[in-house]
Protein backbone atom coordinates (compact mmCIF):
# COMPACT_ATOMS: atom_id res chain seq x y z
CA MET A 1 0.15 0.24 0.16
CA GLN A 2 1.10 3.37 -0.60
CA PRO A 3 1.59 6.06 2.18
CA GLY A 4 -1.43 8.40 2.87
CA VAL A 5 -4.17 5.36 0.78
CA LYS A 6 -6.76 4.19 2.84
CA PHE A 7 -8.90 0.95 2.98
CA THR A 8 -12.30 1.92 2.42
CA ALA A 9 -14.85 -0.56 3.91
CA LEU A 10 -15.17 -2.14 0.43
CA GLY A 11 -11.76 -2.82 0.24
CA TRP A 12 -12.09 -4.57 3.58
CA ILE A 13 -14.59 -6.59 2.74
CA VAL A 14 -12.79 -7.67 -1.24
CA LEU A 15 -9.66 -8.66 0.99
CA GLY A 16 -11.82 -10.57 3.56
CA ALA A 17 -13.74 -12.44 0.59
CA ILE A 18 -10.53 -13.57 -0.78
CA VAL A 19 -8.70 -14.88 2.17
CA LEU A 20 -11.91 -16.57 3.13
CA GLY A 21 -11.82 -18.27 -0.07
CA GLY A 22 -8.27 -19.10 -0.02
CA VAL A 23 -8.90 -20.94 3.25
CA LEU A 24 -11.92 -22.46 2.18
CA TYR A 25 -10.37 -24.00 -1.15
CA ILE A 26 -7.49 -25.25 1.01
CA GLY A 27 -9.71 -27.27 3.74
CA PHE A 28 -11.96 -28.67 0.93
CA MET A 29 -8.70 -30.02 -0.72
CA VAL A 30 -7.94 -31.24 2.32
CA PHE A 31 -11.18 -33.15 2.96
CA VAL A 32 -10.60 -34.55 -0.51
CA SER A 33 -7.84 -36.14 -0.55
CA SER A 34 -8.53 -37.65 2.94
CA LEU A 35 -11.64 -39.32 0.99
CA ARG A 36 -8.70 -41.27 -1.23
CA PRO A 37 -7.48 -44.82 0.14
CA ALA A 38 -3.80 -44.36 1.01
CA ASN A 39 -2.59 -47.13 -1.57
CA PRO A 40 -4.46 -47.60 -4.73
CA SER A 41 -3.09 -50.54 -5.43
CA ASN A 42 -5.59 -52.13 -3.05
CA TYR A 43 -8.38 -51.53 -5.48
CA THR A 44 -10.69 -54.59 -6.86
CA PHE A 45 -11.88 -54.80 -10.23
CA SER A 46 -14.81 -56.99 -11.19
CA THR A 47 -14.52 -59.36 -14.17
CA ALA A 48 -17.18 -59.04 -16.34
CA VAL A 49 -18.95 -62.65 -17.44
CA ILE A 50 -20.48 -62.55 -21.22
CA THR A 51 -22.64 -65.63 -21.85
CA MET A 52 -22.64 -66.24 -25.96
CA ILE A 53 -25.48 -67.96 -27.36
CA PRO A 54 -24.89 -68.76 -31.04
CA ALA A 55 -27.15 -67.61 -33.43
CA PRO A 56 -29.16 -69.68 -35.86
CA THR A 57 -27.26 -71.18 -38.64
CA LEU A 58 -28.62 -71.90 -42.00
CA THR A 59 -29.38 -76.00 -42.51
CA VAL A 60 -30.12 -78.60 -44.51
CA LEU A 61 -33.65 -79.94 -44.89
CA ILE A 62 -34.10 -83.56 -44.42
CA PRO A 63 -36.65 -85.20 -47.19
CA THR A 64 -39.84 -86.40 -45.43
CA THR A 65 -40.31 -89.87 -46.18
CA THR A 66 -41.90 -91.62 -43.17
CA PRO A 67 -45.64 -92.29 -43.38
CA GLU A 68 -48.43 -89.77 -41.96
CA GLN A 69 -48.60 -90.06 -38.29
CA THR A 70 -51.41 -89.66 -36.38
CA VAL A 71 -52.49 -87.62 -33.32
CA ALA A 72 -55.16 -88.95 -30.93
CA THR A 73 -57.83 -86.80 -30.35
CA GLY A 74 -60.46 -88.33 -27.98
CA THR A 75 -62.14 -90.99 -29.46
CA SER A 76 -60.58 -90.66 -33.26
CA GLN A 77 -57.34 -90.03 -34.99
CA VAL A 78 -56.02 -86.61 -36.74
CA PRO A 79 -53.63 -86.80 -39.64
CA VAL A 80 -50.25 -84.84 -38.27
CA PRO A 81 -49.30 -82.75 -41.48
CA SER A 82 -46.22 -83.98 -43.42
CA GLY A 83 -43.05 -82.73 -42.41
CA GLY A 84 -42.16 -85.74 -40.50
CA ILE A 85 -41.85 -84.09 -36.87
CA ALA A 86 -41.56 -86.62 -34.38
CA VAL A 87 -40.05 -86.28 -30.86
CA GLY A 88 -36.63 -86.01 -30.47
CA MET A 89 -35.79 -84.32 -34.14
CA TYR A 90 -35.30 -80.79 -34.49
CA VAL A 91 -36.92 -78.71 -36.09
CA LYS A 92 -36.72 -74.30 -36.88
CA ILE A 93 -39.26 -71.78 -37.47
CA THR A 94 -39.92 -71.23 -40.80
CA GLY A 95 -42.88 -69.09 -42.46
CA THR A 96 -43.66 -66.34 -40.51
CA ASN A 97 -42.70 -63.48 -42.59
CA GLY A 98 -39.93 -62.33 -40.38
CA ASN A 99 -43.14 -61.74 -37.46
CA GLY A 100 -41.68 -65.12 -35.17
CA LEU A 101 -43.77 -67.43 -33.59
CA ASN A 102 -45.56 -67.30 -30.20
CA LEU A 103 -44.13 -70.28 -28.11
CA ARG A 104 -46.92 -71.08 -25.19
CA THR A 105 -47.22 -72.82 -22.22
CA GLU A 106 -49.82 -74.87 -23.37
CA PRO A 107 -50.96 -76.12 -26.82
CA GLY A 108 -53.76 -73.59 -27.66
CA THR A 109 -53.88 -70.09 -29.05
CA GLY A 110 -55.59 -69.43 -25.71
CA SER A 111 -52.44 -70.40 -23.87
CA PRO A 112 -49.80 -67.70 -22.54
CA ILE A 113 -47.23 -66.62 -24.71
CA ARG A 114 -43.80 -67.69 -23.09
CA PHE A 115 -41.70 -66.13 -25.82
CA LEU A 116 -41.45 -65.06 -29.39
CA GLY A 117 -38.66 -67.70 -31.43
CA MET A 118 -38.18 -66.20 -34.61
CA ASP A 119 -37.50 -67.43 -38.48
CA ASP A 120 -34.67 -70.31 -38.90
CA GLU A 121 -34.34 -70.58 -35.12
CA LEU A 122 -33.67 -74.47 -33.87
CA PHE A 123 -35.31 -76.08 -31.87
CA GLN A 124 -35.64 -79.90 -30.11
CA VAL A 125 -38.88 -81.47 -30.05
CA LYS A 126 -39.69 -82.69 -26.77
CA ASP A 127 -43.61 -83.71 -26.67
CA GLY A 128 -46.10 -84.02 -28.88
CA PRO A 129 -47.99 -84.15 -30.89
CA LYS A 130 -51.49 -82.45 -29.70
CA GLN A 131 -54.50 -81.19 -31.38
CA VAL A 132 -55.90 -78.01 -29.61
CA ASP A 133 -57.28 -75.05 -31.87
CA ASN A 134 -57.61 -76.98 -35.00
CA LEU A 135 -53.85 -76.92 -34.81
CA ILE A 136 -50.88 -79.64 -34.31
CA TRP A 137 -48.75 -78.48 -31.49
CA TRP A 138 -45.05 -79.68 -30.32
CA TYR A 139 -43.53 -78.91 -27.56
CA LEU A 140 -39.97 -77.43 -28.23
CA GLN A 141 -36.85 -76.71 -26.51
CA ALA A 142 -33.76 -74.40 -27.53
CA PRO A 143 -30.62 -76.92 -27.51
CA TYR A 144 -28.48 -74.07 -26.56
CA ASP A 145 -30.82 -72.51 -23.46
CA SER A 146 -33.52 -74.95 -21.85
CA THR A 147 -35.36 -72.04 -20.29
CA ARG A 148 -36.45 -71.55 -24.17
CA ASN A 149 -39.10 -73.94 -24.62
CA GLY A 150 -43.01 -74.11 -25.15
CA TRP A 151 -45.69 -75.57 -27.28
CA ALA A 152 -45.83 -74.28 -30.99
CA ALA A 153 -47.38 -74.80 -34.11
CA ALA A 154 -46.47 -77.74 -36.38
CA ASN A 155 -47.64 -75.12 -39.29
CA TYR A 156 -44.66 -72.62 -38.96
CA LEU A 157 -41.90 -76.09 -38.10
CA THR A 158 -39.59 -77.45 -40.61
CA VAL A 159 -37.31 -80.76 -39.77
CA ILE A 160 -33.93 -80.17 -40.47
CA GLN A 161 -30.87 -82.19 -39.97
CA THR A 162 -29.39 -83.06 -36.40
CA PRO A 163 -27.19 -80.22 -35.88
């Protein structure tokens, strides 16, 4: 300061604010640095686990040369559409024009939907046939995920070679 120049009240307020701001900043930095662990090598990191589910692949169709099967519906026999579907065989979804096929908890169009299977998706036939709502139904299960299972109408299934 030059001799003879006096601080006004406003000058003292500005100087006080600067000093107070500096003290608060230093205090904040000390507080933040106390939050860090003393030894960064003690950090533990989790490793992500990724489950790969293979996409459906192009398959060769098996010619259908098996005799026509029948399904019991009460007292009469109902012919199963040709296509050679039987328990243990592999089928893929076809003919939905990209809309997919509802796989249901029970056979029948009124049964709750479990999930949507897409064209060319591969399944193994586990049970059936059953006729409900004028459709033949087969119980399918994905070979790569046993939780992907349900009843599907035979109209949208094509037999394929064993993968």
